[in-house]
């Protein structure tokens, strides 16, 4: 078996993206950045000391680090393929399962109002549909406004503390929704829920990137967003059962729903606080041996040196307020990431619009409420299968740009079919077309990993994840306003808008590919014109950062 650590080191990252004459130099520099001191993690020990109850455990961990570093330095086998598979499996079990549980609770409390309004909620609280719309808008405004500040707090305190804290706080807010008795308290709870959930998605994405190599992220993110699809099905079935509790105790059926799901999130938050793996600890989690923990860190940092200690970096302590604003402005105006933000804004609007109106449209087709909840299951299953498949293919072939195009091609003929389907057609034809659109391969996991890969800097990565999520949420807001009441029930005008946006997303993805290709070619030409001494000097002393560096190639 070839040297896994050394071989992967020579084939990943910068080496894949430059000509053969400079590959050895850049490979050596990647190794130099990881071993600039006598110990690979010596600088880390000074910046963020590991927390441990055992001094001997710290010493044993550092010994494992030195063994791996010495093996890499000498060109020996740093770890076997079996060891790497074991580390990856344990990371999936300890990190990804918990990440999916956290995301499930997030989406559960964010979306359960859609089930609540199918009860007598408006009558019991003396509210109107306009009050409901105002509440949803207030939630979104607070959610978007605090996205970046929340991400800063995540970097300041660390995701292993901040994520459970958010869950406990918003779980408390979700629970007190049981006390809603009118418009004022309803608006308060929607604003409070937006404030407490702001930044969660981007913070979770940043946390997950700390544990995996670039070509392993898309499929992992697909597991998280498949949880969202699964939550849609489970919450619909759960609501069907709880909303039958019309004469249980002194609470209304919708109050029981708020109470149960809010307390569930609160409990999961407390559990997460004790279970979440942390890169601040030598062992990371109890299921890892110290050598496995050292391998986990080394393999990720060899793949992307900018991830070194990224989960522990204290932006709040190391940056002044002016630097924070400068960093934020730089992320907003990043000309290489902005096209992905734009694609995240446009690309999902067609399917999101139809998901918002699925229940309404199925009710118009005269399906019962219970039947509609069951009709959700087919598109959820299709969505999970194809989202995961696309993400696996993206990781396997190390390609991002083609999948938004393939996903848009999936949606286009079904939208076209709906647009020209006869009003007298069998309702099952209309249901089948809606199901196929909503079962489309959701490429958000691919775009999230694309943003992470092309950030090439831990500070930029944290902020860019937040900005990307803002773009997606703005797209959701746009999607909620495509179908208008005067266009009901077939929404022909709205469907023309969706068809246009669908085509635009395909064009944009192709333009990004062309843009990145030209930029990479430009950097290649400049790099080849430099002497070996100039290349070495640039690597060691250039002030270029992140995705602006000439020795970095944009991932496509």
Foldseek 3Di string as FASTA:
>chain_A
DAQPLQVCLLCFFLLVQFDPVCSVVVSVLLLCLQCVDVFSCPVVCVPFNFDDPDPVQVVVLSVLRRQLNVCNVVNHRSDDPVLVVVLVVVCCVQQLVLLLVLLLLLLLLLPLVVLLVVACVCVQQVHDPVLVVLLQVLLLVLQLVCQQVLLLVCQAVFVLPSSLVLLQQLLVLLLCCLVRRYSPVSSVSSNSNSNSSRNNVLSSLLVVLLQDFLLVQLLSVLSNVLSSLVSLLVSLVVSVVQQVPCPPPPGGSSSVSSNVSSVVSNVSSVVSSVRHFDLSHQQSGPVRDNSSSSVRNSSRCSNAVQSNCLRNRRCVVPDDPVVSVVLLVCLVPVPLLVLLLLLLQLLCLLLLLLVVCQQVLVVVVVDDSVVSSVLSVLLSVLQSVQLSVVSNVCSVVLAQLVQSLVLLVQLQVLLVCLLPPDPPDRVVSVSVSSSSNSSGRDSPSSSLSLLQQQQSHSSSNSSNSSSSVSSNSNSSVVSNPLADPVCPDSRNNSSVVSNVSSVVSNVSSVVSVVVLVVVSVVLNVVVVPDDSVRVSCCSVPPPDGGNRRSSGGRRD
